[in-house]
Amino acid sequence: MPNVFLIGRPGCGKSAVYKLLEEELRAAGYGGKLMRIDDFPILKQIFDEDIEHRRHRPIPEGGVKVTDDAVWDDLTKALNQRALKLQDPNLLLFIEFSRDSYVRAFKNFSPEILRNSLILYIDAPFDVCWERNARRALEERGLDAHLVSWEEMEKTYARDDSKELPRYVDAPILVVKNDSDDIQKLRRELQKVVKKLKRIFVCV
């Protein structure tokens, strides 16, 4: 089974994409295991242990700001180690994270992971992502409901280098448009992903 990377700025809809893909893959006949991992629990642990605020600082209106850029590499290295431990021919593993430099981030993933991967970049405008990010912090519960502060959103996620990825990462990349809250529109966008994955798991 391949690894499926879900990338895009906070609020782009990675969690929604995973849930819809799970439904569509089951409907298409995939009977194996699915799992989603992301780096927020790792980030939360770093913040919880950083009581002297050497690597981050809290934002008064909610959320935090990363002050040590090495945190981003630490996160992807830890995510890579977790993904390596989970490799299983019966598991379709979704690996989720957000960055401003995906070229830098993917350098921290091992060839074993990357040579067997599909990358999904979920494309949504910054203002839409910010609105979703603020809304989910008020309406939802659990780790997916964490708030990314406006300061962190603007500093880290206003723009990224996703268009440069094909030059640096030897893995297929699909762009999924998610610029509205129309679930059926998103479901139609994901059909190209399902078709690609179906060709893989039917052959297993």
N, C-alpha and C. Protein backbone atom coordinates (compact mmCIF):
# COMPACT_ATOMS: atom_id res chain seq x y z
N MET A 1 0.83 -1.20 0.00
CA MET A 1 0.00 0.00 0.00
C MET A 1 0.86 1.24 0.00
N PRO A 2 0.43 2.28 -0.70
CA PRO A 2 1.20 3.52 -0.70
C PRO A 2 0.94 4.34 0.56
N ASN A 3 1.81 5.32 0.77
CA ASN A 3 1.55 6.36 1.75
C ASN A 3 0.92 7.53 1.00
N VAL A 4 -0.04 8.18 1.62
CA VAL A 4 -0.69 9.33 1.00
C VAL A 4 -0.43 10.55 1.86
N PHE A 5 0.30 11.50 1.33
CA PHE A 5 0.54 12.75 2.05
C PHE A 5 -0.61 13.71 1.80
N LEU A 6 -1.12 14.29 2.87
CA LEU A 6 -2.13 15.34 2.80
C LEU A 6 -1.47 16.63 3.26
N ILE A 7 -1.23 17.55 2.33
CA ILE A 7 -0.55 18.78 2.69
C ILE A 7 -1.37 19.99 2.24
N GLY A 8 -1.08 21.13 2.84
CA GLY A 8 -1.82 22.36 2.56
C GLY A 8 -1.91 23.15 3.84
N ARG A 9 -2.18 24.44 3.73
CA ARG A 9 -2.18 25.30 4.92
C ARG A 9 -3.28 24.91 5.90
N PRO A 10 -3.15 25.27 7.19
CA PRO A 10 -4.20 24.97 8.16
C PRO A 10 -5.55 25.52 7.70
N GLY A 11 -6.57 24.70 7.79
CA GLY A 11 -7.89 25.11 7.35
C GLY A 11 -8.19 24.79 5.90
N CYS A 12 -7.24 24.18 5.18
CA CYS A 12 -7.49 23.87 3.76
C CYS A 12 -8.47 22.71 3.60
N GLY A 13 -8.62 21.89 4.66
CA GLY A 13 -9.58 20.79 4.59
C GLY A 13 -8.97 19.40 4.57
N LYS A 14 -7.79 19.25 5.18
CA LYS A 14 -7.13 17.94 5.18
C LYS A 14 -7.96 16.88 5.88
N SER A 15 -8.55 17.23 7.02
CA SER A 15 -9.37 16.27 7.76
C SER A 15 -10.61 15.88 6.96
N ALA A 16 -11.24 16.86 6.31
CA ALA A 16 -12.42 16.57 5.49
C ALA A 16 -12.06 15.69 4.30
N VAL A 17 -10.91 15.95 3.68
CA VAL A 17 -10.46 15.14 2.55
C VAL A 17 -10.24 13.70 3.00
N TYR A 18 -9.61 13.52 4.15
CA TYR A 18 -9.38 12.16 4.65
C TYR A 18 -10.71 11.41 4.86
N LYS A 19 -11.66 12.07 5.49
CA LYS A 19 -12.94 11.42 5.78
C LYS A 19 -13.68 11.05 4.48
N LEU A 20 -13.67 11.95 3.52
CA LEU A 20 -14.34 11.67 2.24
C LEU A 20 -13.61 10.57 1.47
N LEU A 21 -12.28 10.60 1.49
CA LEU A 21 -11.53 9.55 0.81
C LEU A 21 -11.79 8.19 1.44
N GLU A 22 -11.90 8.17 2.75
CA GLU A 22 -12.22 6.90 3.42
C GLU A 22 -13.56 6.36 2.92
N GLU A 23 -14.55 7.22 2.85
CA GLU A 23 -15.87 6.80 2.36
C GLU A 23 -15.79 6.31 0.91
N GLU A 24 -15.12 7.08 0.07
CA GLU A 24 -15.06 6.75 -1.35
C GLU A 24 -14.24 5.48 -1.61
N LEU A 25 -13.17 5.30 -0.86
CA LEU A 25 -12.35 4.10 -1.04
C LEU A 25 -13.09 2.85 -0.59
N ARG A 26 -13.83 2.94 0.51
CA ARG A 26 -14.63 1.80 0.96
C ARG A 26 -15.69 1.46 -0.09
N ALA A 27 -16.32 2.51 -0.64
CA ALA A 27 -17.35 2.29 -1.66
C ALA A 27 -16.74 1.68 -2.93
N ALA A 28 -15.46 1.99 -3.18
CA ALA A 28 -14.79 1.46 -4.37
C ALA A 28 -14.24 0.06 -4.15
N GLY A 29 -14.38 -0.46 -2.92
CA GLY A 29 -13.98 -1.84 -2.67
C GLY A 29 -12.72 -2.04 -1.87
N TYR A 30 -12.11 -0.97 -1.37
CA TYR A 30 -10.90 -1.15 -0.57
C TYR A 30 -11.29 -1.71 0.80
N GLY A 31 -10.73 -2.87 1.15
CA GLY A 31 -11.09 -3.52 2.41
C GLY A 31 -9.97 -3.55 3.44
N GLY A 32 -8.86 -2.90 3.13
CA GLY A 32 -7.74 -2.90 4.06
C GLY A 32 -7.88 -1.85 5.14
N LYS A 33 -6.80 -1.68 5.90
CA LYS A 33 -6.81 -0.72 6.99
C LYS A 33 -6.46 0.68 6.47
N LEU A 34 -7.03 1.68 7.13
CA LEU A 34 -6.67 3.07 6.86
C LEU A 34 -6.27 3.73 8.17
N MET A 35 -5.29 4.61 8.10
CA MET A 35 -4.89 5.34 9.30
C MET A 35 -4.39 6.72 8.88
N ARG A 36 -4.67 7.71 9.73
CA ARG A 36 -4.19 9.07 9.49
C ARG A 36 -3.30 9.49 10.64
N ILE A 37 -2.11 10.02 10.33
CA ILE A 37 -1.24 10.57 11.36
C ILE A 37 -0.88 12.00 10.96
N ASP A 38 -0.66 12.85 11.96
CA ASP A 38 -0.21 14.20 11.67
C ASP A 38 0.77 14.65 12.74
N ASP A 39 1.38 15.81 12.53
CA ASP A 39 2.44 16.22 13.44
C ASP A 39 1.97 17.12 14.57
N PHE A 40 0.67 17.42 14.66
CA PHE A 40 0.23 18.31 15.74
C PHE A 40 0.44 17.70 17.13
N PRO A 41 0.15 16.40 17.35
CA PRO A 41 0.44 15.85 18.69
C PRO A 41 1.93 15.97 19.06
N ILE A 42 2.82 15.84 18.07
CA ILE A 42 4.25 16.00 18.32
C ILE A 42 4.55 17.45 18.68
N LEU A 43 3.94 18.39 17.94
CA LEU A 43 4.13 19.81 18.21
C LEU A 43 3.60 20.17 19.59
N LYS A 44 2.45 19.63 19.94
CA LYS A 44 1.86 19.92 21.26
C LYS A 44 2.79 19.43 22.37
N GLN A 45 3.40 18.26 22.19
CA GLN A 45 4.33 17.76 23.20
C GLN A 45 5.54 18.68 23.33
N ILE A 46 6.06 19.16 22.20
CA ILE A 46 7.19 20.10 22.24
C ILE A 46 6.80 21.35 23.02
N PHE A 47 5.61 21.88 22.76
CA PHE A 47 5.16 23.09 23.45
C PHE A 47 4.94 22.83 24.94
N ASP A 48 4.35 21.67 25.26
CA ASP A 48 4.10 21.34 26.68
C ASP A 48 5.40 21.24 27.46
N GLU A 49 6.44 20.72 26.80
CA GLU A 49 7.74 20.56 27.48
C GLU A 49 8.56 21.85 27.48
N ASP A 50 8.20 22.79 26.64
CA ASP A 50 8.94 24.04 26.49
C ASP A 50 8.41 25.08 27.48
N ILE A 51 8.53 24.80 28.77
CA ILE A 51 7.91 25.66 29.79
C ILE A 51 8.60 27.02 29.90
N GLU A 52 9.85 27.12 29.44
CA GLU A 52 10.56 28.40 29.48
C GLU A 52 10.39 29.20 28.18
N HIS A 53 9.57 28.67 27.28
CA HIS A 53 9.25 29.35 26.01
C HIS A 53 10.49 29.70 25.21
N ARG A 54 11.36 28.70 25.07
CA ARG A 54 12.54 28.89 24.22
C ARG A 54 12.22 28.64 22.74
N ARG A 55 11.16 27.88 22.48
CA ARG A 55 10.85 27.50 21.11
C ARG A 55 9.50 28.03 20.62
N HIS A 56 8.72 28.58 21.51
CA HIS A 56 7.43 29.13 21.13
C HIS A 56 7.00 30.16 22.16
N ARG A 57 5.98 30.93 21.80
CA ARG A 57 5.37 31.82 22.78
C ARG A 57 3.86 31.83 22.55
N PRO A 58 3.09 31.85 23.65
CA PRO A 58 1.63 31.90 23.52
C PRO A 58 1.18 33.25 22.93
N ILE A 59 0.07 33.21 22.19
CA ILE A 59 -0.54 34.42 21.64
C ILE A 59 -1.76 34.74 22.51
N PRO A 60 -1.90 35.99 22.98
CA PRO A 60 -3.01 36.33 23.89
C PRO A 60 -4.40 35.94 23.38
N GLU A 61 -4.64 36.12 22.06
CA GLU A 61 -5.98 35.81 21.54
C GLU A 61 -6.19 34.32 21.27
N GLY A 62 -5.17 33.52 21.51
CA GLY A 62 -5.28 32.08 21.33
C GLY A 62 -4.26 31.55 20.35
N GLY A 63 -3.82 30.30 20.57
CA GLY A 63 -2.81 29.71 19.72
C GLY A 63 -1.41 30.12 20.17
N VAL A 64 -0.41 29.77 19.36
CA VAL A 64 0.97 30.06 19.70
C VAL A 64 1.72 30.51 18.45
N LYS A 65 2.93 31.02 18.67
CA LYS A 65 3.82 31.38 17.58
C LYS A 65 5.13 30.62 17.77
N VAL A 66 5.56 29.90 16.75
CA VAL A 66 6.83 29.18 16.80
C VAL A 66 7.96 30.20 16.67
N THR A 67 8.91 30.17 17.60
CA THR A 67 10.04 31.11 17.58
C THR A 67 11.36 30.43 17.23
N ASP A 68 11.36 29.11 17.16
CA ASP A 68 12.56 28.36 16.80
C ASP A 68 12.27 27.58 15.54
N ASP A 69 12.83 28.02 14.41
CA ASP A 69 12.53 27.39 13.12
C ASP A 69 12.95 25.92 13.05
N ALA A 70 13.87 25.50 13.92
CA ALA A 70 14.30 24.09 13.92
C ALA A 70 13.15 23.16 14.31
N VAL A 71 12.12 23.72 14.95
CA VAL A 71 10.94 22.93 15.32
C VAL A 71 10.36 22.22 14.11
N TRP A 72 10.33 22.92 12.95
CA TRP A 72 9.69 22.34 11.77
C TRP A 72 10.41 21.09 11.30
N ASP A 73 11.75 21.11 11.32
CA ASP A 73 12.51 19.92 10.93
C ASP A 73 12.34 18.81 11.96
N ASP A 74 12.32 19.18 13.24
CA ASP A 74 12.12 18.17 14.30
C ASP A 74 10.78 17.45 14.10
N LEU A 75 9.77 18.21 13.72
CA LEU A 75 8.44 17.63 13.52
C LEU A 75 8.42 16.63 12.37
N THR A 76 8.97 17.02 11.22
CA THR A 76 8.91 16.11 10.08
C THR A 76 9.79 14.88 10.28
N LYS A 77 10.92 15.05 10.97
CA LYS A 77 11.76 13.89 11.27
C LYS A 77 11.01 12.91 12.17
N ALA A 78 10.31 13.43 13.17
CA ALA A 78 9.54 12.57 14.07
C ALA A 78 8.38 11.92 13.33
N LEU A 79 7.75 12.67 12.43
CA LEU A 79 6.64 12.11 11.64
C LEU A 79 7.15 11.00 10.73
N ASN A 80 8.31 11.19 10.15
CA ASN A 80 8.92 10.17 9.31
C ASN A 80 9.19 8.89 10.10
N GLN A 81 9.72 9.01 11.31
CA GLN A 81 9.99 7.84 12.14
C GLN A 81 8.71 7.09 12.48
N ARG A 82 7.66 7.84 12.76
CA ARG A 82 6.39 7.18 13.06
C ARG A 82 5.85 6.46 11.82
N ALA A 83 5.96 7.10 10.66
CA ALA A 83 5.48 6.48 9.42
C ALA A 83 6.27 5.20 9.11
N LEU A 84 7.57 5.23 9.35
CA LEU A 84 8.40 4.03 9.10
C LEU A 84 7.94 2.86 9.96
N LYS A 85 7.60 3.13 11.21
CA LYS A 85 7.16 2.06 12.11
C LYS A 85 5.80 1.49 11.71
N LEU A 86 5.02 2.28 10.98
CA LEU A 86 3.66 1.86 10.62
C LEU A 86 3.55 1.21 9.25
N GLN A 87 4.65 1.14 8.50
CA GLN A 87 4.58 0.55 7.16
C GLN A 87 4.07 -0.88 7.22
N ASP A 88 3.03 -1.15 6.42
CA ASP A 88 2.35 -2.43 6.46
C ASP A 88 1.68 -2.63 5.11
N PRO A 89 1.85 -3.79 4.46
CA PRO A 89 1.23 -4.00 3.15
C PRO A 89 -0.29 -3.97 3.17
N ASN A 90 -0.88 -4.06 4.36
CA ASN A 90 -2.34 -4.02 4.47
C ASN A 90 -2.85 -2.68 4.99
N LEU A 91 -1.96 -1.67 5.06
CA LEU A 91 -2.35 -0.37 5.63
C LEU A 91 -2.15 0.74 4.61
N LEU A 92 -3.18 1.52 4.38
CA LEU A 92 -3.09 2.74 3.59
C LEU A 92 -2.90 3.87 4.59
N LEU A 93 -1.69 4.44 4.64
CA LEU A 93 -1.33 5.42 5.66
C LEU A 93 -1.38 6.83 5.09
N PHE A 94 -2.16 7.69 5.75
CA PHE A 94 -2.25 9.10 5.38
C PHE A 94 -1.38 9.91 6.34
N ILE A 95 -0.48 10.72 5.78
CA ILE A 95 0.47 11.51 6.57
C ILE A 95 0.17 12.99 6.32
N GLU A 96 -0.18 13.71 7.37
CA GLU A 96 -0.74 15.05 7.22
C GLU A 96 0.14 16.11 7.89
N PHE A 97 0.41 17.20 7.18
CA PHE A 97 1.10 18.33 7.81
C PHE A 97 0.97 19.58 6.94
N SER A 98 1.27 20.73 7.54
CA SER A 98 1.27 22.03 6.86
C SER A 98 2.65 22.67 7.02
N ARG A 99 3.13 23.34 5.97
CA ARG A 99 4.42 24.03 6.01
C ARG A 99 4.42 25.21 5.04
N ASP A 100 5.38 26.10 5.24
CA ASP A 100 5.60 27.12 4.21
C ASP A 100 6.58 26.60 3.17
N SER A 101 7.52 25.73 3.59
CA SER A 101 8.47 25.12 2.65
C SER A 101 8.29 23.61 2.64
N TYR A 102 7.56 23.11 1.66
CA TYR A 102 7.39 21.66 1.53
C TYR A 102 8.64 21.02 0.96
N VAL A 103 9.41 21.76 0.17
CA VAL A 103 10.68 21.23 -0.33
C VAL A 103 11.58 20.88 0.84
N ARG A 104 11.69 21.78 1.80
CA ARG A 104 12.49 21.53 3.01
C ARG A 104 11.92 20.37 3.81
N ALA A 105 10.60 20.35 3.97
CA ALA A 105 9.97 19.31 4.79
C ALA A 105 10.20 17.92 4.22
N PHE A 106 10.05 17.76 2.91
CA PHE A 106 10.17 16.42 2.32
C PHE A 106 11.60 15.90 2.33
N LYS A 107 12.57 16.78 2.53
CA LYS A 107 13.95 16.32 2.67
C LYS A 107 14.14 15.51 3.96
N ASN A 108 13.21 15.64 4.90
CA ASN A 108 13.30 14.92 6.16
C ASN A 108 12.59 13.56 6.14
N PHE A 109 12.01 13.20 4.98
CA PHE A 109 11.38 11.89 4.86
C PHE A 109 12.32 10.93 4.14
N SER A 110 12.36 9.70 4.60
CA SER A 110 13.29 8.72 4.09
C SER A 110 12.86 8.22 2.71
N PRO A 111 13.80 7.73 1.90
CA PRO A 111 13.46 7.17 0.58
C PRO A 111 12.45 6.04 0.68
N GLU A 112 12.50 5.27 1.75
CA GLU A 112 11.54 4.16 1.93
C GLU A 112 10.11 4.66 1.94
N ILE A 113 9.90 5.84 2.52
CA ILE A 113 8.56 6.42 2.56
C ILE A 113 8.22 7.07 1.22
N LEU A 114 9.14 7.86 0.70
CA LEU A 114 8.85 8.66 -0.48
C LEU A 114 8.69 7.85 -1.75
N ARG A 115 9.42 6.75 -1.88
CA ARG A 115 9.33 6.00 -3.13
C ARG A 115 7.99 5.26 -3.26
N ASN A 116 7.22 5.25 -2.20
CA ASN A 116 5.94 4.57 -2.20
C ASN A 116 4.85 5.53 -1.73
N SER A 117 4.82 6.72 -2.34
CA SER A 117 3.92 7.76 -1.86
C SER A 117 3.17 8.45 -2.98
N LEU A 118 2.01 8.98 -2.60
CA LEU A 118 1.22 9.88 -3.43
C LEU A 118 1.04 11.14 -2.59
N ILE A 119 1.28 12.31 -3.19
CA ILE A 119 1.16 13.57 -2.47
C ILE A 119 -0.08 14.31 -2.95
N LEU A 120 -0.95 14.66 -2.01
CA LEU A 120 -2.14 15.45 -2.31
C LEU A 120 -1.97 16.83 -1.72
N TYR A 121 -1.89 17.84 -2.58
CA TYR A 121 -1.85 19.22 -2.11
C TYR A 121 -3.26 19.77 -2.17
N ILE A 122 -3.79 20.17 -1.03
CA ILE A 122 -5.16 20.67 -0.95
C ILE A 122 -5.10 22.19 -1.04
N ASP A 123 -5.59 22.70 -2.14
CA ASP A 123 -5.45 24.10 -2.49
C ASP A 123 -6.70 24.88 -2.09
N ALA A 124 -6.52 25.82 -1.15
CA ALA A 124 -7.61 26.70 -0.72
C ALA A 124 -7.02 28.08 -0.44
N PRO A 125 -7.75 29.15 -0.76
CA PRO A 125 -7.24 30.50 -0.54
C PRO A 125 -6.98 30.79 0.94
N PHE A 126 -6.02 31.67 1.19
CA PHE A 126 -5.63 31.99 2.56
C PHE A 126 -6.82 32.46 3.40
N ASP A 127 -7.65 33.37 2.86
CA ASP A 127 -8.75 33.90 3.66
C ASP A 127 -9.77 32.82 4.01
N VAL A 128 -10.00 31.88 3.08
CA VAL A 128 -10.91 30.77 3.37
C VAL A 128 -10.32 29.88 4.46
N CYS A 129 -9.03 29.61 4.39
CA CYS A 129 -8.38 28.78 5.41
C CYS A 129 -8.43 29.43 6.78
N TRP A 130 -8.20 30.74 6.83
CA TRP A 130 -8.24 31.42 8.12
C TRP A 130 -9.65 31.35 8.73
N GLU A 131 -10.67 31.56 7.91
CA GLU A 131 -12.05 31.52 8.41
C GLU A 131 -12.39 30.13 8.94
N ARG A 132 -11.99 29.08 8.22
CA ARG A 132 -12.25 27.71 8.67
C ARG A 132 -11.47 27.41 9.95
N ASN A 133 -10.23 27.85 10.00
CA ASN A 133 -9.39 27.61 11.15
C ASN A 133 -10.00 28.24 12.41
N ALA A 134 -10.47 29.48 12.30
CA ALA A 134 -11.09 30.16 13.44
C ALA A 134 -12.41 29.50 13.82
N ARG A 135 -13.19 29.08 12.82
CA ARG A 135 -14.50 28.47 13.07
C ARG A 135 -14.37 27.12 13.75
N ARG A 136 -13.42 26.29 13.30
CA ARG A 136 -13.31 24.95 13.89
C ARG A 136 -12.85 25.03 15.34
N ALA A 137 -12.08 26.05 15.69
CA ALA A 137 -11.63 26.19 17.07
C ALA A 137 -12.80 26.48 18.00
N LEU A 138 -13.86 27.09 17.45
CA LEU A 138 -15.04 27.40 18.26
C LEU A 138 -16.07 26.27 18.25
N GLU A 139 -16.17 25.56 17.12
CA GLU A 139 -17.28 24.62 16.94
C GLU A 139 -16.92 23.16 17.16
N GLU A 140 -15.62 22.81 17.06
CA GLU A 140 -15.24 21.40 17.11
C GLU A 140 -14.50 21.07 18.40
N ARG A 141 -14.24 19.78 18.58
CA ARG A 141 -13.51 19.29 19.75
C ARG A 141 -12.39 18.37 19.27
N GLY A 142 -11.41 18.14 20.14
CA GLY A 142 -10.32 17.22 19.80
C GLY A 142 -9.15 17.95 19.17
N LEU A 143 -8.14 17.17 18.78
CA LEU A 143 -6.91 17.74 18.25
C LEU A 143 -7.12 18.49 16.94
N ASP A 144 -8.09 18.05 16.14
CA ASP A 144 -8.35 18.73 14.87
C ASP A 144 -8.88 20.15 15.06
N ALA A 145 -9.33 20.47 16.28
CA ALA A 145 -9.95 21.76 16.53
C ALA A 145 -8.96 22.80 17.04
N HIS A 146 -7.66 22.51 17.03
CA HIS A 146 -6.70 23.48 17.56
C HIS A 146 -6.65 24.74 16.69
N LEU A 147 -6.46 25.87 17.35
CA LEU A 147 -6.40 27.16 16.66
C LEU A 147 -4.97 27.48 16.25
N VAL A 148 -4.79 27.83 15.01
CA VAL A 148 -3.52 28.40 14.55
C VAL A 148 -3.73 29.91 14.57
N SER A 149 -2.94 30.62 15.37
CA SER A 149 -3.14 32.06 15.55
C SER A 149 -3.01 32.81 14.24
N TRP A 150 -3.64 34.00 14.18
CA TRP A 150 -3.51 34.84 13.00
C TRP A 150 -2.05 35.17 12.73
N GLU A 151 -1.30 35.45 13.80
CA GLU A 151 0.11 35.80 13.62
C GLU A 151 0.89 34.65 12.99
N GLU A 152 0.62 33.42 13.46
CA GLU A 152 1.32 32.25 12.89
C GLU A 152 0.83 31.97 11.47
N MET A 153 -0.47 32.12 11.24
CA MET A 153 -1.00 31.90 9.89
C MET A 153 -0.34 32.85 8.90
N GLU A 154 -0.25 34.13 9.27
CA GLU A 154 0.30 35.14 8.37
C GLU A 154 1.80 34.94 8.17
N LYS A 155 2.51 34.61 9.26
CA LYS A 155 3.97 34.47 9.18
C LYS A 155 4.37 33.21 8.41
N THR A 156 3.70 32.09 8.70
CA THR A 156 4.15 30.79 8.20
C THR A 156 3.37 30.31 6.98
N TYR A 157 2.08 30.63 6.90
CA TYR A 157 1.25 29.96 5.91
C TYR A 157 0.64 30.87 4.84
N ALA A 158 1.01 32.14 4.82
CA ALA A 158 0.44 33.04 3.81
C ALA A 158 0.78 32.57 2.39
N ARG A 159 1.98 31.99 2.22
CA ARG A 159 2.38 31.45 0.92
C ARG A 159 3.29 30.25 1.15
N ASP A 160 3.40 29.40 0.16
CA ASP A 160 4.26 28.22 0.29
C ASP A 160 4.93 27.92 -1.05
N ASP A 161 5.78 26.89 -1.04
CA ASP A 161 6.54 26.54 -2.24
C ASP A 161 6.06 25.25 -2.88
N SER A 162 4.78 24.96 -2.75
CA SER A 162 4.24 23.69 -3.25
C SER A 162 4.46 23.51 -4.75
N LYS A 163 4.46 24.59 -5.51
CA LYS A 163 4.64 24.48 -6.96
C LYS A 163 6.06 24.03 -7.33
N GLU A 164 6.98 24.16 -6.38
CA GLU A 164 8.35 23.72 -6.63
C GLU A 164 8.56 22.23 -6.36
N LEU A 165 7.60 21.60 -5.69
CA LEU A 165 7.76 20.21 -5.27
C LEU A 165 8.11 19.24 -6.39
N PRO A 166 7.49 19.32 -7.57
CA PRO A 166 7.81 18.34 -8.62
C PRO A 166 9.29 18.32 -9.00
N ARG A 167 10.00 19.42 -8.78
CA ARG A 167 11.42 19.47 -9.12
C ARG A 167 12.28 18.74 -8.09
N TYR A 168 11.75 18.54 -6.89
CA TYR A 168 12.57 18.02 -5.80
C TYR A 168 12.11 16.69 -5.22
N VAL A 169 10.88 16.30 -5.47
CA VAL A 169 10.34 15.09 -4.86
C VAL A 169 9.90 14.13 -5.97
N ASP A 170 10.43 12.93 -5.94
CA ASP A 170 10.11 11.93 -6.96
C ASP A 170 8.90 11.12 -6.52
N ALA A 171 7.76 11.76 -6.54
CA ALA A 171 6.49 11.10 -6.19
C ALA A 171 5.38 11.83 -6.92
N PRO A 172 4.34 11.11 -7.33
CA PRO A 172 3.22 11.78 -8.02
C PRO A 172 2.54 12.78 -7.09
N ILE A 173 2.18 13.94 -7.65
CA ILE A 173 1.53 15.00 -6.89
C ILE A 173 0.21 15.36 -7.56
N LEU A 174 -0.87 15.33 -6.80
CA LEU A 174 -2.18 15.74 -7.29
C LEU A 174 -2.64 16.96 -6.51
N VAL A 175 -3.23 17.93 -7.20
CA VAL A 175 -3.77 19.13 -6.56
C VAL A 175 -5.28 18.98 -6.45
N VAL A 176 -5.79 19.17 -5.24
CA VAL A 176 -7.22 19.07 -4.97
C VAL A 176 -7.72 20.46 -4.60
N LYS A 177 -8.64 21.01 -5.38
CA LYS A 177 -9.21 22.33 -5.10
C LYS A 177 -10.29 22.20 -4.02
N ASN A 178 -10.17 23.04 -2.99
CA ASN A 178 -11.17 23.03 -1.92
C ASN A 178 -11.42 24.47 -1.47
N ASP A 179 -11.97 25.26 -2.39
CA ASP A 179 -12.12 26.69 -2.13
C ASP A 179 -13.50 27.09 -1.64
N SER A 180 -14.34 26.10 -1.30
CA SER A 180 -15.67 26.40 -0.76
C SER A 180 -16.03 25.32 0.24
N ASP A 181 -17.21 25.47 0.86
CA ASP A 181 -17.68 24.46 1.81
C ASP A 181 -18.66 23.48 1.15
N ASP A 182 -18.61 23.40 -0.17
CA ASP A 182 -19.47 22.49 -0.93
C ASP A 182 -18.85 21.08 -0.90
N ILE A 183 -19.41 20.21 -0.04
CA ILE A 183 -18.85 18.87 0.14
C ILE A 183 -18.95 18.05 -1.14
N GLN A 184 -20.04 18.20 -1.88
CA GLN A 184 -20.20 17.43 -3.11
C GLN A 184 -19.18 17.85 -4.17
N LYS A 185 -18.87 19.13 -4.20
CA LYS A 185 -17.83 19.62 -5.12
C LYS A 185 -16.48 19.01 -4.76
N LEU A 186 -16.19 18.98 -3.45
CA LEU A 186 -14.94 18.38 -2.99
C LEU A 186 -14.92 16.89 -3.29
N ARG A 187 -16.05 16.23 -3.10
CA ARG A 187 -16.13 14.79 -3.39
C ARG A 187 -15.82 14.51 -4.86
N ARG A 188 -16.32 15.38 -5.74
CA ARG A 188 -16.03 15.21 -7.17
C ARG A 188 -14.55 15.43 -7.46
N GLU A 189 -13.94 16.39 -6.77
CA GLU A 189 -12.50 16.64 -6.92
C GLU A 189 -11.69 15.41 -6.54
N LEU A 190 -12.18 14.69 -5.55
CA LEU A 190 -11.42 13.55 -5.01
C LEU A 190 -11.55 12.29 -5.87
N GLN A 191 -12.41 12.32 -6.87
CA GLN A 191 -12.56 11.14 -7.72
C GLN A 191 -11.27 10.79 -8.44
N LYS A 192 -10.49 11.80 -8.82
CA LYS A 192 -9.21 11.52 -9.50
C LYS A 192 -8.24 10.83 -8.55
N VAL A 193 -8.35 11.15 -7.26
CA VAL A 193 -7.49 10.50 -6.27
C VAL A 193 -7.91 9.06 -6.08
N VAL A 194 -9.22 8.85 -5.97
CA VAL A 194 -9.74 7.49 -5.78
C VAL A 194 -9.36 6.60 -6.96
N LYS A 195 -9.46 7.14 -8.18
CA LYS A 195 -9.11 6.35 -9.36
C LYS A 195 -7.65 5.92 -9.32
N LYS A 196 -6.77 6.84 -8.91
CA LYS A 196 -5.35 6.52 -8.86
C LYS A 196 -5.07 5.47 -7.78
N LEU A 197 -5.68 5.64 -6.61
CA LEU A 197 -5.47 4.68 -5.53
C LEU A 197 -6.11 3.34 -5.84
N LYS A 198 -7.24 3.35 -6.51
CA LYS A 198 -7.93 2.10 -6.84
C LYS A 198 -7.07 1.24 -7.77
N ARG A 199 -6.37 1.89 -8.69
CA ARG A 199 -5.48 1.14 -9.59
C ARG A 199 -4.39 0.43 -8.81
N ILE A 200 -3.98 1.04 -7.69
CA ILE A 200 -2.93 0.46 -6.87
C ILE A 200 -3.46 -0.71 -6.06
N PHE A 201 -4.55 -0.49 -5.30
CA PHE A 201 -4.96 -1.56 -4.38
C PHE A 201 -5.64 -2.73 -5.08
N VAL A 202 -6.17 -2.50 -6.29
CA VAL A 202 -6.75 -3.62 -7.03
C VAL A 202 -5.66 -4.60 -7.46
N CYS A 203 -4.46 -4.07 -7.67
CA CYS A 203 -3.33 -4.91 -8.12
C CYS A 203 -2.64 -5.63 -6.98
N VAL A 204 -2.94 -5.27 -5.74
CA VAL A 204 -2.25 -5.87 -4.60
C VAL A 204 -2.80 -7.27 -4.33
